[in-house]
Amino acid sequence: MAASGAAAVAVGFSASVLPYGWLVVATLAYVVLVQGESAALTTGTIQAAPPGLQGATMAVHTMVGFIGGFFGPLLFGVVLDAAGGPEVTSAWGFAFTSLGAAVALGPVILMIAARAANVSHTSAHHPGQG
């Protein structure tokens, strides 16, 4: 997730530095990183799901993905406009940085969820010692 977050920032701010062809190559590399993470996260989700709850876990995983797919472009557009609009090259950098920032929150959310699951698991086995 760190690699695709960094790549989002790099692609956004390289629009004024790289020739068009190299910008396309950088964007394609960014897309490969994002798609690779998607597959790894889906696999990890299924492996981490308790037996018998894989389907429900994948339903939640998919719902979260669609929520991100809805709000991501909205946030991107808001940031792009707030930073000066599509005519301002640096605005694209800030808009892509919003994508990188959202991706950077992923590991934080996973750590919080893991801790919550661990506390819940511990509380279930040792009542009163949450």
C-alpha atoms as a PDB file:
ATOM      1  CA  MET A   1       0.000   0.000   0.000  1.00  0.00           C
ATOM      2  CA  ALA A   2       2.909   2.319   0.644  1.00  0.00           C
ATOM      3  CA  ALA A   3       4.212   1.757  -2.874  1.00  0.00           C
ATOM      4  CA  SER A   4       0.950   2.652  -4.591  1.00  0.00           C
ATOM      5  CA  GLY A   5       0.435   5.629  -2.278  1.00  0.00           C
ATOM      6  CA  ALA A   6       3.897   6.949  -3.127  1.00  0.00           C
ATOM      7  CA  ALA A   7       3.306   6.217  -6.806  1.00  0.00           C
ATOM      8  CA  ALA A   8       0.075   8.247  -6.738  1.00  0.00           C
ATOM      9  CA  VAL A   9       1.949  11.265  -5.416  1.00  0.00           C
ATOM     10  CA  ALA A  10       4.809  10.761  -7.883  1.00  0.00           C
ATOM     11  CA  VAL A  11       2.494  10.454 -10.889  1.00  0.00           C
ATOM     12  CA  GLY A  12       0.484  13.510  -9.864  1.00  0.00           C
ATOM     13  CA  PHE A  13       3.468  15.789  -9.480  1.00  0.00           C
ATOM     14  CA  SER A  14       5.420  14.484 -12.464  1.00  0.00           C
ATOM     15  CA  ALA A  15       2.949  15.871 -15.010  1.00  0.00           C
ATOM     16  CA  SER A  16       5.022  19.035 -15.348  1.00  0.00           C
ATOM     17  CA  VAL A  17       8.361  17.213 -15.342  1.00  0.00           C
ATOM     18  CA  LEU A  18       7.996  14.103 -17.485  1.00  0.00           C
ATOM     19  CA  PRO A  19       7.347  14.003 -21.209  1.00  0.00           C
ATOM     20  CA  TYR A  20       3.894  12.667 -22.071  1.00  0.00           C
ATOM     21  CA  GLY A  21       5.136   9.177 -23.028  1.00  0.00           C
ATOM     22  CA  TRP A  22       6.983   8.715 -19.744  1.00  0.00           C
ATOM     23  CA  LEU A  23       3.983  10.012 -17.833  1.00  0.00           C
ATOM     24  CA  VAL A  24       1.885   7.297 -19.474  1.00  0.00           C
ATOM     25  CA  VAL A  25       4.486   4.688 -18.446  1.00  0.00           C
ATOM     26  CA  ALA A  26       4.515   6.011 -14.867  1.00  0.00           C
ATOM     27  CA  THR A  27       0.714   5.939 -14.759  1.00  0.00           C
ATOM     28  CA  LEU A  28       0.638   2.359 -16.020  1.00  0.00           C
ATOM     29  CA  ALA A  29       3.162   1.358 -13.336  1.00  0.00           C
ATOM     30  CA  TYR A  30       0.904   3.006 -10.754  1.00  0.00           C
ATOM     31  CA  VAL A  31      -2.098   1.055 -12.071  1.00  0.00           C
ATOM     32  CA  VAL A  32      -0.126  -2.212 -11.831  1.00  0.00           C
ATOM     33  CA  LEU A  33       0.708  -1.455  -8.190  1.00  0.00           C
ATOM     34  CA  VAL A  34      -2.918  -0.691  -7.350  1.00  0.00           C
ATOM     35  CA  GLN A  35      -4.219  -3.821  -9.067  1.00  0.00           C
ATOM     36  CA  GLY A  36      -1.561  -5.978  -7.405  1.00  0.00           C
ATOM     37  CA  GLU A  37      -2.552  -4.680  -3.998  1.00  0.00           C
ATOM     38  CA  SER A  38      -6.192  -5.338  -4.722  1.00  0.00           C
ATOM     39  CA  ALA A  39      -5.521  -9.011  -5.370  1.00  0.00           C
ATOM     40  CA  ALA A  40      -3.328  -9.326  -2.283  1.00  0.00           C
ATOM     41  CA  LEU A  41      -5.888  -7.604  -0.057  1.00  0.00           C
ATOM     42  CA  THR A  42      -8.706  -9.815  -1.326  1.00  0.00           C
ATOM     43  CA  THR A  43      -6.638 -12.939  -0.689  1.00  0.00           C
ATOM     44  CA  GLY A  44      -5.700 -11.694   2.781  1.00  0.00           C
ATOM     45  CA  THR A  45      -9.319 -10.931   3.550  1.00  0.00           C
ATOM     46  CA  ILE A  46     -10.408 -14.458   2.702  1.00  0.00           C
ATOM     47  CA  GLN A  47      -7.523 -16.030   4.635  1.00  0.00           C
ATOM     48  CA  ALA A  48      -8.188 -13.895   7.713  1.00  0.00           C
ATOM     49  CA  ALA A  49     -11.914 -14.609   7.769  1.00  0.00           C
ATOM     50  CA  PRO A  50     -13.116 -17.086  10.377  1.00  0.00           C
ATOM     51  CA  PRO A  51     -14.258 -20.430   8.962  1.00  0.00           C
ATOM     52  CA  GLY A  52     -17.848 -20.238   7.848  1.00  0.00           C
ATOM     53  CA  LEU A  53     -17.767 -16.440   7.542  1.00  0.00           C
ATOM     54  CA  GLN A  54     -15.722 -16.082   4.359  1.00  0.00           C
ATOM     55  CA  GLY A  55     -18.762 -15.119   2.276  1.00  0.00           C
ATOM     56  CA  ALA A  56     -19.954 -12.469   4.719  1.00  0.00           C
ATOM     57  CA  THR A  57     -16.410 -11.171   5.072  1.00  0.00           C
ATOM     58  CA  MET A  58     -16.070 -10.861   1.293  1.00  0.00           C
ATOM     59  CA  ALA A  59     -19.415  -9.060   1.163  1.00  0.00           C
ATOM     60  CA  VAL A  60     -18.155  -6.446   3.621  1.00  0.00           C
ATOM     61  CA  HIS A  61     -14.798  -6.263   1.793  1.00  0.00           C
ATOM     62  CA  THR A  62     -16.582  -5.640  -1.505  1.00  0.00           C
ATOM     63  CA  MET A  63     -18.930  -3.071   0.015  1.00  0.00           C
ATOM     64  CA  VAL A  64     -15.983  -1.114   1.413  1.00  0.00           C
ATOM     65  CA  GLY A  65     -14.339  -1.246  -2.013  1.00  0.00           C
ATOM     66  CA  PHE A  66     -17.434   0.143  -3.707  1.00  0.00           C
ATOM     67  CA  ILE A  67     -17.703   2.902  -1.101  1.00  0.00           C
ATOM     68  CA  GLY A  68     -14.108   3.870  -1.884  1.00  0.00           C
ATOM     69  CA  GLY A  69     -14.875   3.664  -5.578  1.00  0.00           C
ATOM     70  CA  PHE A  70     -17.712   6.131  -5.056  1.00  0.00           C
ATOM     71  CA  PHE A  71     -16.030   8.636  -2.752  1.00  0.00           C
ATOM     72  CA  GLY A  72     -12.522   8.473  -4.264  1.00  0.00           C
ATOM     73  CA  PRO A  73     -13.374  10.262  -7.520  1.00  0.00           C
ATOM     74  CA  LEU A  74     -15.486  12.810  -5.626  1.00  0.00           C
ATOM     75  CA  LEU A  75     -12.606  13.648  -3.295  1.00  0.00           C
ATOM     76  CA  PHE A  76     -10.191  13.730  -6.237  1.00  0.00           C
ATOM     77  CA  GLY A  77     -12.398  16.241  -8.058  1.00  0.00           C
ATOM     78  CA  VAL A  78     -12.910  18.404  -4.980  1.00  0.00           C
ATOM     79  CA  VAL A  79      -9.148  18.553  -4.364  1.00  0.00           C
ATOM     80  CA  LEU A  80      -8.425  19.187  -8.054  1.00  0.00           C
ATOM     81  CA  ASP A  81     -10.872  22.109  -8.117  1.00  0.00           C
ATOM     82  CA  ALA A  82      -9.747  23.494  -4.750  1.00  0.00           C
ATOM     83  CA  ALA A  83      -6.105  23.451  -5.874  1.00  0.00           C
ATOM     84  CA  GLY A  84      -6.824  25.548  -8.966  1.00  0.00           C
ATOM     85  CA  GLY A  85      -8.600  23.279 -11.424  1.00  0.00           C
ATOM     86  CA  PRO A  86      -7.438  21.016 -14.226  1.00  0.00           C
ATOM     87  CA  GLU A  87      -5.496  23.796 -15.953  1.00  0.00           C
ATOM     88  CA  VAL A  88      -3.089  24.057 -12.997  1.00  0.00           C
ATOM     89  CA  THR A  89      -0.454  21.331 -13.186  1.00  0.00           C
ATOM     90  CA  SER A  90       0.226  21.267  -9.437  1.00  0.00           C
ATOM     91  CA  ALA A  91      -3.500  20.768  -8.794  1.00  0.00           C
ATOM     92  CA  TRP A  92      -3.143  17.325 -10.361  1.00  0.00           C
ATOM     93  CA  GLY A  93      -0.348  16.583  -7.920  1.00  0.00           C
ATOM     94  CA  PHE A  94      -2.524  17.504  -4.971  1.00  0.00           C
ATOM     95  CA  ALA A  95      -5.463  15.507  -6.346  1.00  0.00           C
ATOM     96  CA  PHE A  96      -3.284  12.408  -6.775  1.00  0.00           C
ATOM     97  CA  THR A  97      -1.859  13.036  -3.295  1.00  0.00           C
ATOM     98  CA  SER A  98      -5.411  12.704  -1.951  1.00  0.00           C
ATOM     99  CA  LEU A  99      -5.444   9.192  -3.444  1.00  0.00           C
ATOM    100  CA  GLY A 100      -2.092   8.410  -1.832  1.00  0.00           C
ATOM    101  CA  ALA A 101      -3.294   9.728   1.517  1.00  0.00           C
ATOM    102  CA  ALA A 102      -6.405   7.555   1.358  1.00  0.00           C
ATOM    103  CA  VAL A 103      -4.265   4.507   0.592  1.00  0.00           C
ATOM    104  CA  ALA A 104      -1.930   5.401   3.478  1.00  0.00           C
ATOM    105  CA  LEU A 105      -4.909   5.154   5.825  1.00  0.00           C
ATOM    106  CA  GLY A 106      -5.394   1.512   4.815  1.00  0.00           C
ATOM    107  CA  PRO A 107      -2.683   0.005   7.035  1.00  0.00           C
ATOM    108  CA  VAL A 108      -3.793   2.209   9.943  1.00  0.00           C
ATOM    109  CA  ILE A 109      -7.377   0.976   9.597  1.00  0.00           C
ATOM    110  CA  LEU A 110      -6.156  -2.625   9.350  1.00  0.00           C
ATOM    111  CA  MET A 111      -4.121  -2.230  12.556  1.00  0.00           C
ATOM    112  CA  ILE A 112      -7.106  -0.734  14.382  1.00  0.00           C
ATOM    113  CA  ALA A 113      -9.353  -3.547  13.136  1.00  0.00           C
ATOM    114  CA  ALA A 114      -6.808  -6.185  14.161  1.00  0.00           C
ATOM    115  CA  ARG A 115      -6.535  -4.707  17.651  1.00  0.00           C
ATOM    116  CA  ALA A 116     -10.315  -4.540  17.966  1.00  0.00           C
ATOM    117  CA  ALA A 117     -10.604  -8.154  16.849  1.00  0.00           C
ATOM    118  CA  ASN A 118      -7.899  -9.181  19.300  1.00  0.00           C
ATOM    119  CA  VAL A 119      -9.622  -7.370  22.180  1.00  0.00           C
ATOM    120  CA  SER A 120     -12.945  -8.939  21.195  1.00  0.00           C
ATOM    121  CA  HIS A 121     -11.332 -12.378  20.952  1.00  0.00           C
ATOM    122  CA  THR A 122      -9.599 -11.936  24.325  1.00  0.00           C
ATOM    123  CA  SER A 123     -12.806 -10.676  25.985  1.00  0.00           C
ATOM    124  CA  ALA A 124     -14.745 -13.667  24.664  1.00  0.00           C
ATOM    125  CA  HIS A 125     -12.298 -16.114  26.245  1.00  0.00           C
ATOM    126  CA  HIS A 126     -11.682 -14.145  29.441  1.00  0.00           C
ATOM    127  CA  PRO A 127     -14.825 -12.271  30.471  1.00  0.00           C
ATOM    128  CA  GLY A 128     -14.110  -9.127  32.452  1.00  0.00           C
ATOM    129  CA  GLN A 129     -10.522  -8.826  31.203  1.00  0.00           C
ATOM    130  CA  GLY A 130     -11.211  -6.919  27.851  1.00  0.00           C
END
